[in-house]
Amino acid sequence: MNYIYVLLGVAAFIVILSAIEHMRLKKIALMRGKPNIYAYARSFDCHNVDSMIVCEVYNLVQEWAGEYNGAPFPVQADDTFDGVYRMDTDDLGDIYCEAAHRLGISKENAEANAYYDKVETVKDLVLFLNEQPKIIYF
């Protein structure tokens, strides 16, 4: 019987933490206003960064962050995965893998990438993916 109380306590703790996190992100979203992909895109050098990567990362991070008051989260290039999103490294890895898969970007030799192990912001992820080679299909 004590196990049930422990499980209920843990479940309640998780629900409370989730609610607090949701309210924190909602506050950030409300302060920023409506999402603006154009302001986000202007954070990148359009001559040297693939715009498809810029858009795909924006969409995936926005999808992960969710909606607040019926609008998607307003992602900014300088958002930190740890600070703003408090994102688990596994979730960041999932976003990286999904973006690479959708855009035909190789995940091989990632250690040779100048941004390897330095991805802290949304912009860093875009630049990391931009430096990876494209997969060529024959």
C-alpha atoms as a PDB file:
ATOM      1  CA  MET A   1       0.000   0.000   0.000  1.00  0.00           C
ATOM      2  CA  ASN A   2       2.911   2.372   0.728  1.00  0.00           C
ATOM      3  CA  TYR A   3       4.105   1.909  -2.867  1.00  0.00           C
ATOM      4  CA  ILE A   4       0.876   3.386  -4.151  1.00  0.00           C
ATOM      5  CA  TYR A   5       1.391   6.537  -2.059  1.00  0.00           C
ATOM      6  CA  VAL A   6       4.956   6.844  -3.282  1.00  0.00           C
ATOM      7  CA  LEU A   7       3.847   6.466  -6.912  1.00  0.00           C
ATOM      8  CA  LEU A   8       1.045   8.988  -6.419  1.00  0.00           C
ATOM      9  CA  GLY A   9       3.503  11.409  -4.799  1.00  0.00           C
ATOM     10  CA  VAL A  10       5.966  11.069  -7.662  1.00  0.00           C
ATOM     11  CA  ALA A  11       3.166  11.493 -10.227  1.00  0.00           C
ATOM     12  CA  ALA A  12       1.894  14.621  -8.438  1.00  0.00           C
ATOM     13  CA  PHE A  13       5.436  16.028  -8.322  1.00  0.00           C
ATOM     14  CA  ILE A  14       5.869  15.482 -12.067  1.00  0.00           C
ATOM     15  CA  VAL A  15       2.522  17.116 -12.832  1.00  0.00           C
ATOM     16  CA  ILE A  16       3.398  20.139 -10.694  1.00  0.00           C
ATOM     17  CA  LEU A  17       6.830  20.517 -12.321  1.00  0.00           C
ATOM     18  CA  SER A  18       5.265  20.246 -15.778  1.00  0.00           C
ATOM     19  CA  ALA A  19       2.706  22.930 -14.917  1.00  0.00           C
ATOM     20  CA  ILE A  20       5.420  25.250 -13.597  1.00  0.00           C
ATOM     21  CA  GLU A  21       7.497  24.735 -16.746  1.00  0.00           C
ATOM     22  CA  HIS A  22       4.473  25.375 -18.962  1.00  0.00           C
ATOM     23  CA  MET A  23       3.744  28.630 -17.120  1.00  0.00           C
ATOM     24  CA  ARG A  24       7.399  29.704 -17.427  1.00  0.00           C
ATOM     25  CA  LEU A  25       7.420  29.165 -21.199  1.00  0.00           C
ATOM     26  CA  LYS A  26       4.004  30.807 -21.506  1.00  0.00           C
ATOM     27  CA  LYS A  27       5.338  33.905 -19.736  1.00  0.00           C
ATOM     28  CA  ILE A  28       8.287  34.063 -22.155  1.00  0.00           C
ATOM     29  CA  ALA A  29       5.958  33.575 -25.131  1.00  0.00           C
ATOM     30  CA  LEU A  30       3.598  36.332 -23.970  1.00  0.00           C
ATOM     31  CA  MET A  31       6.492  38.759 -23.396  1.00  0.00           C
ATOM     32  CA  ARG A  32       7.803  38.112 -26.920  1.00  0.00           C
ATOM     33  CA  GLY A  33       4.477  38.407 -28.690  1.00  0.00           C
ATOM     34  CA  LYS A  34       3.582  36.647 -31.910  1.00  0.00           C
ATOM     35  CA  PRO A  35       6.114  34.350 -33.586  1.00  0.00           C
ATOM     36  CA  ASN A  36       8.137  36.108 -36.264  1.00  0.00           C
ATOM     37  CA  ILE A  37      10.170  33.826 -38.513  1.00  0.00           C
ATOM     38  CA  TYR A  38      11.414  36.834 -40.481  1.00  0.00           C
ATOM     39  CA  ALA A  39      13.110  38.398 -37.445  1.00  0.00           C
ATOM     40  CA  TYR A  40      14.541  34.984 -36.588  1.00  0.00           C
ATOM     41  CA  ALA A  41      15.830  34.440 -40.149  1.00  0.00           C
ATOM     42  CA  ARG A  42      17.542  37.849 -40.177  1.00  0.00           C
ATOM     43  CA  SER A  43      19.802  36.527 -37.400  1.00  0.00           C
ATOM     44  CA  PHE A  44      21.629  34.446 -40.016  1.00  0.00           C
ATOM     45  CA  ASP A  45      23.949  35.296 -42.887  1.00  0.00           C
ATOM     46  CA  CYS A  46      21.654  34.342 -45.765  1.00  0.00           C
ATOM     47  CA  HIS A  47      24.607  34.092 -48.167  1.00  0.00           C
ATOM     48  CA  ASN A  48      26.387  31.417 -46.121  1.00  0.00           C
ATOM     49  CA  VAL A  49      23.611  29.547 -44.302  1.00  0.00           C
ATOM     50  CA  ASP A  50      21.079  27.283 -46.001  1.00  0.00           C
ATOM     51  CA  SER A  51      17.646  28.852 -45.537  1.00  0.00           C
ATOM     52  CA  MET A  52      16.032  25.409 -45.484  1.00  0.00           C
ATOM     53  CA  ILE A  53      18.054  24.557 -42.368  1.00  0.00           C
ATOM     54  CA  VAL A  54      17.098  27.879 -40.775  1.00  0.00           C
ATOM     55  CA  CYS A  55      13.394  27.176 -41.356  1.00  0.00           C
ATOM     56  CA  GLU A  56      13.494  23.496 -40.394  1.00  0.00           C
ATOM     57  CA  VAL A  57      15.215  24.130 -37.067  1.00  0.00           C
ATOM     58  CA  TYR A  58      12.761  26.951 -36.342  1.00  0.00           C
ATOM     59  CA  ASN A  59       9.804  24.652 -37.024  1.00  0.00           C
ATOM     60  CA  LEU A  60      11.161  21.724 -35.012  1.00  0.00           C
ATOM     61  CA  VAL A  61      12.063  23.828 -31.968  1.00  0.00           C
ATOM     62  CA  GLN A  62       8.718  25.593 -32.181  1.00  0.00           C
ATOM     63  CA  GLU A  63       6.935  22.234 -32.361  1.00  0.00           C
ATOM     64  CA  TRP A  64       8.880  20.973 -29.343  1.00  0.00           C
ATOM     65  CA  ALA A  65       8.118  24.119 -27.304  1.00  0.00           C
ATOM     66  CA  GLY A  66       4.391  23.935 -28.007  1.00  0.00           C
ATOM     67  CA  GLU A  67       1.641  26.517 -28.255  1.00  0.00           C
ATOM     68  CA  TYR A  68       0.672  29.261 -25.834  1.00  0.00           C
ATOM     69  CA  ASN A  69      -2.642  31.096 -26.133  1.00  0.00           C
ATOM     70  CA  GLY A  70      -3.209  29.403 -29.479  1.00  0.00           C
ATOM     71  CA  ALA A  71       0.056  30.587 -31.036  1.00  0.00           C
ATOM     72  CA  PRO A  72       3.300  28.636 -31.526  1.00  0.00           C
ATOM     73  CA  PHE A  73       6.221  29.529 -29.276  1.00  0.00           C
ATOM     74  CA  PRO A  74       8.174  32.532 -30.671  1.00  0.00           C
ATOM     75  CA  VAL A  75      11.599  30.984 -31.241  1.00  0.00           C
ATOM     76  CA  GLN A  76      14.623  33.280 -31.388  1.00  0.00           C
ATOM     77  CA  ALA A  77      18.072  32.413 -32.738  1.00  0.00           C
ATOM     78  CA  ASP A  78      19.827  33.260 -29.487  1.00  0.00           C
ATOM     79  CA  ASP A  79      17.540  31.066 -27.357  1.00  0.00           C
ATOM     80  CA  THR A  80      19.610  28.635 -25.331  1.00  0.00           C
ATOM     81  CA  PHE A  81      18.463  25.042 -25.182  1.00  0.00           C
ATOM     82  CA  ASP A  82      19.457  24.791 -21.551  1.00  0.00           C
ATOM     83  CA  GLY A  83      18.333  28.210 -20.320  1.00  0.00           C
ATOM     84  CA  VAL A  84      15.202  29.074 -22.281  1.00  0.00           C
ATOM     85  CA  TYR A  85      13.901  25.609 -23.136  1.00  0.00           C
ATOM     86  CA  ARG A  86      15.532  23.585 -20.353  1.00  0.00           C
ATOM     87  CA  MET A  87      15.752  20.926 -23.020  1.00  0.00           C
ATOM     88  CA  ASP A  88      17.141  17.505 -22.295  1.00  0.00           C
ATOM     89  CA  THR A  89      20.138  16.559 -24.453  1.00  0.00           C
ATOM     90  CA  ASP A  90      18.145  13.616 -25.813  1.00  0.00           C
ATOM     91  CA  ASP A  91      15.451  16.004 -27.076  1.00  0.00           C
ATOM     92  CA  LEU A  92      18.107  18.200 -28.677  1.00  0.00           C
ATOM     93  CA  GLY A  93      19.575  15.108 -30.311  1.00  0.00           C
ATOM     94  CA  ASP A  94      16.127  14.170 -31.617  1.00  0.00           C
ATOM     95  CA  ILE A  95      15.678  17.618 -33.167  1.00  0.00           C
ATOM     96  CA  TYR A  96      19.124  17.381 -34.753  1.00  0.00           C
ATOM     97  CA  CYS A  97      18.424  13.916 -36.164  1.00  0.00           C
ATOM     98  CA  GLU A  98      14.980  14.888 -37.461  1.00  0.00           C
ATOM     99  CA  ALA A  99      16.314  18.025 -39.174  1.00  0.00           C
ATOM    100  CA  ALA A 100      19.212  16.083 -40.703  1.00  0.00           C
ATOM    101  CA  HIS A 101      16.847  13.359 -41.935  1.00  0.00           C
ATOM    102  CA  ARG A 102      14.314  15.786 -43.456  1.00  0.00           C
ATOM    103  CA  LEU A 103      16.994  17.864 -45.176  1.00  0.00           C
ATOM    104  CA  GLY A 104      19.257  15.066 -46.378  1.00  0.00           C
ATOM    105  CA  ILE A 105      22.168  16.068 -44.163  1.00  0.00           C
ATOM    106  CA  SER A 106      24.759  13.494 -43.178  1.00  0.00           C
ATOM    107  CA  LYS A 107      25.224  12.724 -39.494  1.00  0.00           C
ATOM    108  CA  GLU A 108      28.554  11.029 -40.209  1.00  0.00           C
ATOM    109  CA  ASN A 109      31.786  12.554 -38.911  1.00  0.00           C
ATOM    110  CA  ALA A 110      29.951  15.027 -36.687  1.00  0.00           C
ATOM    111  CA  GLU A 111      33.023  15.133 -34.433  1.00  0.00           C
ATOM    112  CA  ALA A 112      34.943  16.897 -37.215  1.00  0.00           C
ATOM    113  CA  ASN A 113      32.391  19.723 -37.297  1.00  0.00           C
ATOM    114  CA  ALA A 114      33.668  22.994 -35.779  1.00  0.00           C
ATOM    115  CA  TYR A 115      30.401  23.276 -33.809  1.00  0.00           C
ATOM    116  CA  TYR A 116      30.602  19.762 -32.398  1.00  0.00           C
ATOM    117  CA  ASP A 117      29.934  19.757 -28.664  1.00  0.00           C
ATOM    118  CA  LYS A 118      29.367  23.539 -28.789  1.00  0.00           C
ATOM    119  CA  VAL A 119      25.657  23.683 -29.610  1.00  0.00           C
ATOM    120  CA  GLU A 120      24.067  25.834 -26.926  1.00  0.00           C
ATOM    121  CA  THR A 121      21.650  28.020 -28.898  1.00  0.00           C
ATOM    122  CA  VAL A 122      19.187  27.579 -31.730  1.00  0.00           C
ATOM    123  CA  LYS A 123      21.633  29.452 -33.966  1.00  0.00           C
ATOM    124  CA  ASP A 124      24.443  27.058 -33.006  1.00  0.00           C
ATOM    125  CA  LEU A 125      22.293  24.102 -34.092  1.00  0.00           C
ATOM    126  CA  VAL A 126      21.582  25.752 -37.441  1.00  0.00           C
ATOM    127  CA  LEU A 127      25.283  26.441 -37.979  1.00  0.00           C
ATOM    128  CA  PHE A 128      26.209  22.897 -36.918  1.00  0.00           C
ATOM    129  CA  LEU A 129      23.767  21.393 -39.436  1.00  0.00           C
ATOM    130  CA  ASN A 130      24.939  23.857 -42.093  1.00  0.00           C
ATOM    131  CA  GLU A 131      28.522  22.599 -41.709  1.00  0.00           C
ATOM    132  CA  GLN A 132      27.559  18.936 -42.133  1.00  0.00           C
ATOM    133  CA  PRO A 133      27.784  17.536 -45.682  1.00  0.00           C
ATOM    134  CA  LYS A 134      24.648  16.834 -47.692  1.00  0.00           C
ATOM    135  CA  ILE A 135      23.816  13.253 -48.540  1.00  0.00           C
ATOM    136  CA  ILE A 136      24.111  12.642 -52.273  1.00  0.00           C
ATOM    137  CA  TYR A 137      21.776  10.012 -53.683  1.00  0.00           C
ATOM    138  CA  PHE A 138      22.461   8.321 -56.992  1.00  0.00           C
END
